[in-house]
Amino acid sequence: MMSVKPREIFIMGITREGKTFRPSDWADRLAGLMTQFRHPDCPAREPHLGYSPFCLPTTLGGVRCVVVSETLREIEPMAFDFLMGFARDNNLQVEQACLLDSTLEQLPAASGLAIAA
C-alpha cells in the first residue's frame, strides 16, 4: 500500500461518544461560513453560488462531515483555527486523510477515504 500525506481534515458529524451531531444540516452551515475563502490566484465568484474549495460539506458512509483542505491553513490560518475549534468545542471526531481518485474505483460508494498512517 502506498503512503499518502494527508491533505484534508475530515470533521465528522459524530461525537467522540458516538452520538450523531445535530442539527442535521450542520455541515452545510459550517461550510457556508467559509464560502469567501478562496485561493488568491482563483477568480472571485459570488459567495452564494458555491462553497469554498477548501471547506466542503459531504456525506461519507452515511455520516455528514466537512472536508477541510490543509491549504486553508496557509491561506487563512484564523479560518482554519475556527474550524478546528468548532470540532474541538463540539467534541467531534476529526480524521486526517485524503480522497483518492483511484480509491473511489476500488471501494464501495462514499468510502473513498484513505486514513493516513
N, C-alpha and C. Protein backbone atom coordinates (compact mmCIF):
# COMPACT_ATOMS: atom_id res chain seq x y z
N MET A 1 0.84 -1.19 0.00
CA MET A 1 0.00 0.00 0.00
C MET A 1 0.88 1.24 0.00
N MET A 2 0.52 2.23 -0.80
CA MET A 2 1.32 3.44 -0.89
C MET A 2 1.05 4.36 0.29
N SER A 3 2.07 5.13 0.63
CA SER A 3 1.93 6.10 1.72
C SER A 3 1.53 7.44 1.13
N VAL A 4 0.47 8.04 1.66
CA VAL A 4 -0.05 9.30 1.15
C VAL A 4 -0.07 10.30 2.29
N LYS A 5 0.51 11.47 2.06
CA LYS A 5 0.47 12.52 3.06
C LYS A 5 -0.94 13.10 3.10
N PRO A 6 -1.53 13.22 4.29
CA PRO A 6 -2.88 13.79 4.38
C PRO A 6 -2.93 15.21 3.82
N ARG A 7 -3.96 15.47 3.08
CA ARG A 7 -4.16 16.80 2.53
C ARG A 7 -5.48 17.40 2.98
N GLU A 8 -6.32 16.59 3.59
CA GLU A 8 -7.61 17.08 4.08
C GLU A 8 -7.81 16.64 5.52
N ILE A 9 -8.62 17.40 6.19
CA ILE A 9 -9.04 17.05 7.54
C ILE A 9 -10.54 16.88 7.49
N PHE A 10 -11.01 15.76 7.97
CA PHE A 10 -12.43 15.43 7.96
C PHE A 10 -13.00 15.67 9.35
N ILE A 11 -13.91 16.64 9.45
CA ILE A 11 -14.64 16.86 10.69
C ILE A 11 -15.91 16.04 10.56
N MET A 12 -15.99 14.99 11.35
CA MET A 12 -17.09 14.04 11.25
C MET A 12 -18.27 14.48 12.12
N GLY A 13 -19.47 14.19 11.66
CA GLY A 13 -20.68 14.54 12.39
C GLY A 13 -21.03 13.52 13.46
N ILE A 14 -20.00 12.98 14.09
CA ILE A 14 -20.15 12.01 15.17
C ILE A 14 -19.29 12.50 16.33
N THR A 15 -19.86 12.55 17.52
CA THR A 15 -19.08 12.97 18.68
C THR A 15 -18.15 11.84 19.11
N ARG A 16 -17.21 12.15 19.96
CA ARG A 16 -16.28 11.13 20.45
C ARG A 16 -17.00 10.05 21.24
N GLU A 17 -18.20 10.37 21.71
CA GLU A 17 -19.02 9.38 22.42
C GLU A 17 -19.86 8.54 21.46
N GLY A 18 -19.80 8.84 20.17
CA GLY A 18 -20.51 8.07 19.17
C GLY A 18 -21.92 8.57 18.85
N LYS A 19 -22.27 9.75 19.34
CA LYS A 19 -23.61 10.31 19.07
C LYS A 19 -23.58 11.14 17.79
N THR A 20 -24.70 11.13 17.07
CA THR A 20 -24.83 11.93 15.86
C THR A 20 -24.94 13.40 16.24
N PHE A 21 -24.15 14.25 15.59
CA PHE A 21 -24.17 15.68 15.88
C PHE A 21 -25.39 16.31 15.22
N ARG A 22 -26.03 17.20 15.91
CA ARG A 22 -27.22 17.90 15.42
C ARG A 22 -26.98 19.39 15.41
N PRO A 23 -27.63 20.15 14.56
CA PRO A 23 -28.70 19.77 13.65
C PRO A 23 -28.15 19.02 12.44
N SER A 24 -29.04 18.40 11.70
CA SER A 24 -28.62 17.56 10.58
C SER A 24 -27.93 18.34 9.46
N ASP A 25 -28.16 19.65 9.38
CA ASP A 25 -27.53 20.45 8.32
C ASP A 25 -26.30 21.22 8.82
N TRP A 26 -25.72 20.77 9.91
CA TRP A 26 -24.58 21.47 10.50
C TRP A 26 -23.42 21.61 9.51
N ALA A 27 -23.16 20.58 8.69
CA ALA A 27 -22.03 20.62 7.75
C ALA A 27 -22.24 21.70 6.69
N ASP A 28 -23.47 21.82 6.20
CA ASP A 28 -23.77 22.85 5.20
C ASP A 28 -23.63 24.24 5.80
N ARG A 29 -24.09 24.40 7.02
CA ARG A 29 -23.98 25.70 7.70
C ARG A 29 -22.53 26.10 7.93
N LEU A 30 -21.74 25.14 8.43
CA LEU A 30 -20.34 25.43 8.72
C LEU A 30 -19.57 25.75 7.44
N ALA A 31 -19.76 24.95 6.41
CA ALA A 31 -19.08 25.20 5.13
C ALA A 31 -19.56 26.52 4.53
N GLY A 32 -20.82 26.85 4.75
CA GLY A 32 -21.36 28.12 4.25
C GLY A 32 -20.65 29.33 4.83
N LEU A 33 -20.17 29.21 6.06
CA LEU A 33 -19.43 30.31 6.68
C LEU A 33 -18.09 30.55 6.00
N MET A 34 -17.58 29.55 5.31
CA MET A 34 -16.25 29.62 4.71
C MET A 34 -16.26 29.95 3.22
N THR A 35 -17.42 30.28 2.65
CA THR A 35 -17.51 30.48 1.20
C THR A 35 -16.58 31.56 0.67
N GLN A 36 -16.25 32.54 1.47
CA GLN A 36 -15.42 33.64 0.98
C GLN A 36 -13.94 33.27 0.84
N PHE A 37 -13.52 32.16 1.42
CA PHE A 37 -12.11 31.81 1.39
C PHE A 37 -11.78 30.99 0.16
N ARG A 38 -11.02 31.62 -0.73
CA ARG A 38 -10.61 31.01 -1.98
C ARG A 38 -9.14 31.33 -2.20
N HIS A 39 -8.51 30.60 -3.07
CA HIS A 39 -7.10 30.85 -3.36
C HIS A 39 -6.96 32.21 -4.03
N PRO A 40 -5.95 32.99 -3.65
CA PRO A 40 -5.78 34.33 -4.23
C PRO A 40 -5.65 34.35 -5.75
N ASP A 41 -5.15 33.26 -6.35
CA ASP A 41 -4.98 33.21 -7.80
C ASP A 41 -6.26 32.82 -8.54
N CYS A 42 -7.27 32.33 -7.80
CA CYS A 42 -8.52 31.92 -8.44
C CYS A 42 -9.42 33.12 -8.65
N PRO A 43 -10.15 33.15 -9.76
CA PRO A 43 -11.08 34.25 -9.97
C PRO A 43 -12.16 34.24 -8.90
N ALA A 44 -12.56 35.43 -8.48
CA ALA A 44 -13.60 35.55 -7.45
C ALA A 44 -14.95 35.13 -8.01
N ARG A 45 -15.72 34.45 -7.17
CA ARG A 45 -17.08 34.06 -7.53
C ARG A 45 -18.01 34.62 -6.47
N GLU A 46 -19.25 34.70 -6.81
CA GLU A 46 -20.24 35.13 -5.84
C GLU A 46 -20.34 34.08 -4.74
N PRO A 47 -20.27 34.48 -3.45
CA PRO A 47 -20.29 33.51 -2.37
C PRO A 47 -21.55 32.64 -2.34
N HIS A 48 -22.67 33.15 -2.82
CA HIS A 48 -23.90 32.37 -2.76
C HIS A 48 -23.98 31.31 -3.86
N LEU A 49 -22.98 31.28 -4.75
CA LEU A 49 -23.02 30.32 -5.85
C LEU A 49 -22.32 29.01 -5.54
N GLY A 50 -21.62 28.92 -4.44
CA GLY A 50 -20.94 27.66 -4.12
C GLY A 50 -20.08 27.77 -2.89
N TYR A 51 -19.60 26.63 -2.45
CA TYR A 51 -18.74 26.56 -1.28
C TYR A 51 -17.30 26.86 -1.66
N SER A 52 -16.51 27.18 -0.68
CA SER A 52 -15.08 27.33 -0.88
C SER A 52 -14.50 25.97 -1.24
N PRO A 53 -13.52 25.92 -2.13
CA PRO A 53 -12.90 24.64 -2.45
C PRO A 53 -12.08 24.09 -1.28
N PHE A 54 -11.89 24.88 -0.24
CA PHE A 54 -11.10 24.47 0.92
C PHE A 54 -11.94 23.98 2.08
N CYS A 55 -13.26 24.03 1.95
CA CYS A 55 -14.15 23.61 3.03
C CYS A 55 -15.48 23.15 2.42
N LEU A 56 -15.64 21.85 2.29
CA LEU A 56 -16.80 21.31 1.58
C LEU A 56 -17.60 20.35 2.46
N PRO A 57 -18.92 20.52 2.49
CA PRO A 57 -19.75 19.55 3.20
C PRO A 57 -19.95 18.32 2.33
N THR A 58 -20.03 17.16 2.94
CA THR A 58 -20.26 15.92 2.21
C THR A 58 -20.81 14.87 3.16
N THR A 59 -21.08 13.71 2.60
CA THR A 59 -21.51 12.56 3.41
C THR A 59 -20.60 11.39 3.08
N LEU A 60 -20.03 10.78 4.09
CA LEU A 60 -19.17 9.61 3.91
C LEU A 60 -19.71 8.49 4.77
N GLY A 61 -20.06 7.40 4.15
CA GLY A 61 -20.58 6.27 4.89
C GLY A 61 -21.82 6.60 5.69
N GLY A 62 -22.65 7.50 5.18
CA GLY A 62 -23.87 7.88 5.86
C GLY A 62 -23.69 8.91 6.96
N VAL A 63 -22.48 9.41 7.13
CA VAL A 63 -22.18 10.40 8.17
C VAL A 63 -21.88 11.74 7.52
N ARG A 64 -22.58 12.78 7.96
CA ARG A 64 -22.30 14.13 7.46
C ARG A 64 -20.94 14.55 7.99
N CYS A 65 -20.18 15.22 7.13
CA CYS A 65 -18.88 15.71 7.55
C CYS A 65 -18.50 16.93 6.71
N VAL A 66 -17.46 17.59 7.16
CA VAL A 66 -16.89 18.72 6.44
C VAL A 66 -15.45 18.36 6.12
N VAL A 67 -15.09 18.50 4.86
CA VAL A 67 -13.74 18.22 4.41
C VAL A 67 -13.01 19.56 4.33
N VAL A 68 -11.96 19.70 5.14
CA VAL A 68 -11.19 20.94 5.21
C VAL A 68 -9.82 20.69 4.61
N SER A 69 -9.48 21.45 3.59
CA SER A 69 -8.17 21.33 2.96
C SER A 69 -7.12 21.98 3.84
N GLU A 70 -5.96 21.32 3.94
CA GLU A 70 -4.87 21.92 4.71
C GLU A 70 -4.36 23.21 4.05
N THR A 71 -4.70 23.43 2.80
CA THR A 71 -4.32 24.67 2.12
C THR A 71 -4.94 25.87 2.81
N LEU A 72 -6.12 25.70 3.41
CA LEU A 72 -6.78 26.80 4.11
C LEU A 72 -5.90 27.32 5.23
N ARG A 73 -5.13 26.44 5.86
CA ARG A 73 -4.23 26.85 6.95
C ARG A 73 -3.20 27.85 6.44
N GLU A 74 -2.73 27.67 5.20
CA GLU A 74 -1.76 28.58 4.61
C GLU A 74 -2.39 29.89 4.16
N ILE A 75 -3.59 29.80 3.59
CA ILE A 75 -4.26 30.98 3.04
C ILE A 75 -4.88 31.85 4.13
N GLU A 76 -5.56 31.22 5.07
CA GLU A 76 -6.24 31.96 6.14
C GLU A 76 -6.19 31.14 7.43
N PRO A 77 -5.10 31.28 8.20
CA PRO A 77 -4.94 30.48 9.41
C PRO A 77 -6.06 30.67 10.44
N MET A 78 -6.61 31.86 10.53
CA MET A 78 -7.69 32.09 11.51
C MET A 78 -8.95 31.31 11.14
N ALA A 79 -9.26 31.20 9.85
CA ALA A 79 -10.42 30.42 9.42
C ALA A 79 -10.19 28.94 9.71
N PHE A 80 -8.99 28.47 9.46
CA PHE A 80 -8.64 27.08 9.74
C PHE A 80 -8.76 26.81 11.25
N ASP A 81 -8.22 27.70 12.06
CA ASP A 81 -8.31 27.55 13.51
C ASP A 81 -9.76 27.58 13.99
N PHE A 82 -10.59 28.40 13.36
CA PHE A 82 -12.01 28.44 13.72
C PHE A 82 -12.66 27.07 13.50
N LEU A 83 -12.38 26.46 12.36
CA LEU A 83 -12.96 25.16 12.06
C LEU A 83 -12.48 24.09 13.03
N MET A 84 -11.19 24.09 13.34
CA MET A 84 -10.67 23.11 14.29
C MET A 84 -11.21 23.36 15.69
N GLY A 85 -11.41 24.63 16.03
CA GLY A 85 -12.01 24.97 17.32
C GLY A 85 -13.46 24.52 17.40
N PHE A 86 -14.18 24.65 16.30
CA PHE A 86 -15.57 24.18 16.25
C PHE A 86 -15.63 22.69 16.53
N ALA A 87 -14.74 21.95 15.89
CA ALA A 87 -14.72 20.50 16.09
C ALA A 87 -14.36 20.17 17.54
N ARG A 88 -13.37 20.84 18.08
CA ARG A 88 -12.95 20.59 19.46
C ARG A 88 -14.05 20.96 20.45
N ASP A 89 -14.66 22.14 20.28
CA ASP A 89 -15.69 22.61 21.20
C ASP A 89 -16.93 21.73 21.20
N ASN A 90 -17.21 21.09 20.06
CA ASN A 90 -18.39 20.23 19.95
C ASN A 90 -18.05 18.75 20.09
N ASN A 91 -16.78 18.48 20.46
CA ASN A 91 -16.33 17.11 20.73
C ASN A 91 -16.53 16.18 19.53
N LEU A 92 -16.29 16.73 18.33
CA LEU A 92 -16.48 15.95 17.10
C LEU A 92 -15.21 15.17 16.75
N GLN A 93 -15.41 14.03 16.14
CA GLN A 93 -14.29 13.22 15.67
C GLN A 93 -13.64 13.92 14.48
N VAL A 94 -12.32 13.92 14.45
CA VAL A 94 -11.55 14.54 13.38
C VAL A 94 -10.53 13.53 12.87
N GLU A 95 -10.46 13.38 11.56
CA GLU A 95 -9.51 12.46 10.93
C GLU A 95 -8.71 13.22 9.88
N GLN A 96 -7.41 12.95 9.82
CA GLN A 96 -6.59 13.46 8.73
C GLN A 96 -6.57 12.38 7.66
N ALA A 97 -6.90 12.77 6.46
CA ALA A 97 -7.00 11.80 5.38
C ALA A 97 -6.94 12.51 4.04
N CYS A 98 -7.09 11.73 2.99
CA CYS A 98 -7.22 12.33 1.67
C CYS A 98 -8.12 11.43 0.84
N LEU A 99 -8.86 12.04 -0.07
CA LEU A 99 -9.68 11.30 -1.00
C LEU A 99 -8.83 10.99 -2.22
N LEU A 100 -8.86 9.75 -2.62
CA LEU A 100 -8.06 9.32 -3.76
C LEU A 100 -8.96 8.92 -4.90
N ASP A 101 -8.69 9.42 -6.09
CA ASP A 101 -9.49 9.04 -7.26
C ASP A 101 -9.43 7.53 -7.50
N SER A 102 -8.25 6.94 -7.39
CA SER A 102 -8.12 5.50 -7.63
C SER A 102 -8.82 4.70 -6.55
N THR A 103 -8.87 5.22 -5.34
CA THR A 103 -9.56 4.54 -4.25
C THR A 103 -11.05 4.49 -4.51
N LEU A 104 -11.59 5.52 -5.11
CA LEU A 104 -13.02 5.56 -5.38
C LEU A 104 -13.45 4.44 -6.32
N GLU A 105 -12.56 4.03 -7.21
CA GLU A 105 -12.89 2.95 -8.14
C GLU A 105 -12.87 1.59 -7.46
N GLN A 106 -12.07 1.43 -6.40
CA GLN A 106 -11.87 0.14 -5.77
C GLN A 106 -12.80 -0.10 -4.58
N LEU A 107 -13.30 0.93 -3.96
CA LEU A 107 -14.10 0.79 -2.75
C LEU A 107 -15.55 1.05 -3.02
N PRO A 108 -16.44 0.60 -2.12
CA PRO A 108 -17.87 0.90 -2.26
C PRO A 108 -18.12 2.40 -2.27
N ALA A 109 -19.26 2.80 -2.79
CA ALA A 109 -19.62 4.22 -2.88
C ALA A 109 -19.46 4.91 -1.54
N ALA A 110 -19.03 6.17 -1.59
CA ALA A 110 -18.88 7.06 -0.43
C ALA A 110 -17.85 6.54 0.58
N SER A 111 -16.93 5.69 0.17
CA SER A 111 -15.91 5.25 1.13
C SER A 111 -14.50 5.47 0.57
N GLY A 112 -14.30 6.46 -0.26
CA GLY A 112 -13.00 6.76 -0.83
C GLY A 112 -12.13 7.52 0.12
N LEU A 113 -12.09 7.08 1.35
CA LEU A 113 -11.35 7.75 2.41
C LEU A 113 -10.11 6.94 2.71
N ALA A 114 -8.95 7.55 2.58
CA ALA A 114 -7.70 6.87 2.91
C ALA A 114 -7.16 7.50 4.18
N ILE A 115 -7.26 6.78 5.28
CA ILE A 115 -6.77 7.30 6.56
C ILE A 115 -5.25 7.24 6.55
N ALA A 116 -4.65 8.32 6.96
CA ALA A 116 -3.19 8.40 6.95
C ALA A 116 -2.60 7.54 8.07
N ALA A 117 -1.50 6.91 7.77
CA ALA A 117 -0.83 6.08 8.78
C ALA A 117 0.14 6.91 9.57
